[in-house]
């Protein structure tokens, strides 16, 4: 048995000052770094996901509905796609990029630089349990956690290390976690 931490999309564009900011994003980045420093031996492996858009088509819109369409964000080659500076990245063993040419919410849709999927990477290292943190609770954290459970990993969302976009969609995500037997700790940061 081995446990991994999955850090979801803690990128500049999803934190305060970014093109698609989530209130509390910078605090989540700092909190993850503190936990990695204090409880580093809790996880045998640490990985991260990144929204990494080249041309995601209808995912971007100049008139976004914030359901299916969004302002441009995390475009490859921009500072917005980089990890937030409060996130200490030295423990991250692999980064899984997602969404080059389409919308992609789950880290399990991403691939590492050598083309490996997140599920394959975890299984190849004997991981059976994952803990999920990051941004946003009600979007990419939700999709990643649900896919982790569907892939057969024992899954926990450390809500105190997540930030949600809105109360209604975050509450709906928590209900989905319960329905999928995903464990949860703490409470997410949600401004609205």
Protein backbone atom coordinates (compact mmCIF):
# COMPACT_ATOMS: atom_id res chain seq x y z
CA UNK A 1 0.00 0.00 0.00
CA UNK A 2 1.21 3.42 -0.94
CA UNK A 3 -0.40 6.85 -0.64
CA UNK A 4 -0.03 9.79 -3.05
CA UNK A 5 -0.95 13.45 -2.82
CA UNK A 6 -2.50 14.91 -5.97
CA UNK A 7 -2.17 18.70 -6.15
CA UNK A 8 -4.75 20.00 -8.62
CA UNK A 9 -4.21 23.14 -10.71
CA UNK A 10 -2.56 25.45 -8.15
CA UNK A 11 -1.71 27.87 -10.95
CA UNK A 12 -1.40 31.64 -11.16
CA UNK A 13 -4.52 32.11 -13.28
CA UNK A 14 -6.66 30.35 -10.65
CA UNK A 15 -5.34 32.47 -7.77
CA UNK A 16 -5.96 36.09 -6.89
CA UNK A 17 -4.69 38.33 -9.68
CA UNK A 18 -5.10 35.64 -12.36
CA UNK A 19 -7.46 35.62 -15.32
CA UNK A 20 -9.89 33.20 -13.62
CA UNK A 21 -9.22 33.77 -9.90
CA UNK A 22 -10.68 31.73 -7.08
CA UNK A 23 -10.76 33.54 -3.76
CA UNK A 24 -8.43 31.76 -1.36
CA UNK A 25 -6.28 30.25 -4.11
CA UNK A 26 -3.04 31.79 -2.86
CA UNK A 27 -3.81 30.69 0.71
CA UNK A 28 -4.40 27.15 -0.56
CA UNK A 29 -1.01 27.21 -2.30
CA UNK A 30 0.67 28.31 0.93
CA UNK A 31 -1.29 25.78 3.00
CA UNK A 32 -0.28 22.89 0.75
CA UNK A 33 3.35 23.93 1.07
CA UNK A 34 3.10 24.03 4.87
CA UNK A 35 1.52 20.57 5.01
CA UNK A 36 4.17 19.17 2.67
CA UNK A 37 6.84 20.59 4.97
CA UNK A 38 5.26 19.39 8.23
CA UNK A 39 3.75 16.07 7.17
CA UNK A 40 5.94 15.18 4.24
CA UNK A 41 6.27 11.52 5.13
CA UNK A 42 2.47 11.13 5.01
CA UNK A 43 2.75 10.55 1.23
CA UNK A 44 5.12 8.24 -0.59
CA UNK A 45 4.47 10.17 -3.80
CA UNK A 46 3.44 13.73 -4.70
CA UNK A 47 2.13 14.66 -8.15
CA UNK A 48 0.44 17.71 -9.61
CA UNK A 49 -1.90 18.57 -12.44
CA UNK A 50 -1.95 21.66 -14.62
CA UNK A 51 -4.55 23.13 -16.88
CA UNK A 52 -2.38 23.62 -19.97
CA UNK A 53 -4.33 25.07 -22.86
CA UNK A 54 -3.06 25.57 -26.41
CA UNK A 55 -6.38 25.97 -28.24
CA UNK A 56 -9.24 24.43 -26.26
CA UNK A 57 -11.88 25.58 -28.73
CA UNK A 58 -15.25 26.48 -27.22
CA UNK A 59 -13.85 26.11 -23.67
CA UNK A 60 -12.67 29.75 -24.02
CA UNK A 61 -15.13 32.54 -24.67
CA UNK A 62 -15.10 36.33 -24.72
CA UNK A 63 -18.60 36.05 -23.22
CA UNK A 64 -18.23 33.10 -20.82
CA UNK A 65 -21.17 31.48 -19.06
CA UNK A 66 -18.90 30.12 -16.28
CA UNK A 67 -20.50 26.70 -16.70
CA UNK A 68 -19.17 25.41 -20.01
CA UNK A 69 -17.22 28.44 -21.24
CA UNK A 70 -14.58 30.49 -19.44
CA UNK A 71 -12.24 33.43 -19.99
CA UNK A 72 -8.88 32.43 -21.46
CA UNK A 73 -6.72 30.87 -18.72
CA UNK A 74 -3.62 28.73 -18.22
CA UNK A 75 -2.44 29.20 -21.80
CA UNK A 76 0.82 27.38 -22.50
CA UNK A 77 3.76 29.77 -22.37
CA UNK A 78 2.09 32.35 -20.12
CA UNK A 79 2.82 33.09 -16.47
CA UNK A 80 -0.82 32.25 -15.77
CA UNK A 81 -0.12 28.59 -16.51
CA UNK A 82 2.74 28.40 -14.00
CA UNK A 83 2.41 27.13 -10.44
CA UNK A 84 1.61 29.84 -7.90
CA UNK A 85 4.83 31.06 -6.22
CA UNK A 86 3.51 30.10 -2.76
CA UNK A 87 3.42 26.44 -3.83
CA UNK A 88 6.69 24.68 -3.01
CA UNK A 89 7.25 22.26 -5.88
CA UNK A 90 10.42 20.35 -4.90
CA UNK A 91 8.45 17.25 -3.81
CA UNK A 92 6.43 17.02 -7.05
CA UNK A 93 7.59 13.93 -8.93
CA UNK A 94 5.43 14.29 -12.04
CA UNK A 95 3.16 16.91 -13.59
CA UNK A 96 0.12 15.88 -15.63
CA UNK A 97 -0.89 18.47 -18.24
CA UNK A 98 -4.50 18.52 -19.39
CA UNK A 99 -6.69 20.35 -21.85
CA UNK A 100 -4.32 21.29 -24.68
CA UNK A 101 -7.08 21.17 -27.30
CA UNK A 102 -10.26 20.65 -25.28
CA UNK A 103 -11.81 21.33 -21.92
CA UNK A 104 -10.32 19.00 -19.33
CA UNK A 105 -11.28 19.13 -15.68
CA UNK A 106 -9.91 15.88 -14.26
CA UNK A 107 -6.23 15.27 -13.69
CA UNK A 108 -6.93 11.76 -14.97
CA UNK A 109 -7.39 13.30 -18.44
CA UNK A 110 -3.82 14.60 -18.32
CA UNK A 111 -0.51 13.11 -19.33
CA UNK A 112 3.03 13.50 -18.08
CA UNK A 113 5.82 14.80 -20.31
CA UNK A 114 6.57 11.23 -21.39
CA UNK A 115 2.91 10.54 -22.21
CA UNK A 116 1.98 8.52 -19.14
CA UNK A 117 -1.52 8.86 -17.70
CA UNK A 118 -2.05 9.74 -14.04
CA UNK A 119 -3.77 6.41 -13.34
CA UNK A 120 -0.95 4.48 -15.00
CA UNK A 121 1.72 6.46 -13.15
CA UNK A 122 0.07 5.83 -9.77
CA UNK A 123 -0.51 2.12 -10.40
CA UNK A 124 3.05 1.71 -11.63
CA UNK A 125 4.26 2.86 -8.23
CA UNK A 126 1.89 0.71 -6.21
CA UNK A 127 -0.32 3.59 -5.09
CA UNK A 128 -3.68 2.44 -3.72
CA UNK A 129 -4.75 5.57 -1.84
CA UNK A 130 -4.83 9.21 -2.95
CA UNK A 131 -5.48 12.49 -1.22
CA UNK A 132 -6.60 15.39 -3.39
CA UNK A 133 -6.04 19.11 -2.79
CA UNK A 134 -6.07 22.25 -4.93
CA UNK A 135 -8.27 24.49 -7.04
CA UNK A 136 -11.21 24.54 -7.55
CA UNK A 137 -13.17 22.35 -5.16
CA UNK A 138 -16.25 22.47 -7.38
CA UNK A 139 -14.54 21.95 -10.74
CA UNK A 140 -11.13 20.33 -11.25
CA UNK A 141 -10.73 18.98 -7.70
CA UNK A 142 -14.23 17.50 -7.97
CA UNK A 143 -13.56 15.86 -11.34
CA UNK A 144 -10.14 14.54 -10.28
CA UNK A 145 -11.44 13.06 -7.01
CA UNK A 146 -14.44 11.42 -8.70
CA UNK A 147 -12.19 9.91 -11.37
CA UNK A 148 -9.72 8.70 -8.73
CA UNK A 149 -12.52 6.85 -6.97
CA UNK A 150 -13.84 5.49 -10.28
CA UNK A 151 -10.31 4.22 -11.05
CA UNK A 152 -10.41 2.23 -7.80
CA UNK A 153 -8.17 4.38 -5.62
CA UNK A 154 -9.23 4.95 -2.01
CA UNK A 155 -9.83 8.69 -2.21
CA UNK A 156 -9.87 11.51 0.33
CA UNK A 157 -10.31 15.21 -0.41
CA UNK A 158 -8.52 17.45 2.08
CA UNK A 159 -11.11 20.21 1.81
CA UNK A 160 -9.17 22.60 4.03
CA UNK A 161 -6.57 22.67 1.23
CA UNK A 162 -9.08 23.46 -1.52
CA UNK A 163 -10.81 26.64 -2.69
CA UNK A 164 -14.24 26.62 -4.30
CA UNK A 165 -15.68 29.06 -6.82
CA UNK A 166 -19.21 29.29 -5.40
CA UNK A 167 -21.16 27.92 -2.44
CA UNK A 168 -23.86 26.17 -4.50
CA UNK A 169 -21.51 24.29 -6.81
CA UNK A 170 -19.14 23.48 -3.94
CA UNK A 171 -21.98 22.03 -1.87
CA UNK A 172 -23.05 19.98 -4.91
CA UNK A 173 -19.48 18.67 -5.24
CA UNK A 174 -19.48 17.58 -1.59
CA UNK A 175 -22.70 15.66 -2.20
CA UNK A 176 -21.09 13.94 -5.18
CA UNK A 177 -18.12 13.00 -3.00
CA UNK A 178 -20.44 11.46 -0.41
CA UNK A 179 -22.33 9.53 -3.10
CA UNK A 180 -19.02 8.17 -4.46
CA UNK A 181 -17.79 7.16 -0.96
CA UNK A 182 -14.99 9.71 -1.12
CA UNK A 183 -13.74 10.68 2.34
CA UNK A 184 -13.41 14.36 3.25
CA UNK A 185 -11.61 16.34 5.92
CA UNK A 186 -12.05 19.98 6.91
CA UNK A 187 -14.00 22.63 5.03
CA UNK A 188 -13.21 24.28 1.69
CA UNK A 189 -12.51 27.98 1.32
CA UNK A 190 -15.54 29.44 -0.48
CA UNK A 191 -16.01 33.20 -0.79
CA UNK A 192 -19.41 33.35 -2.46
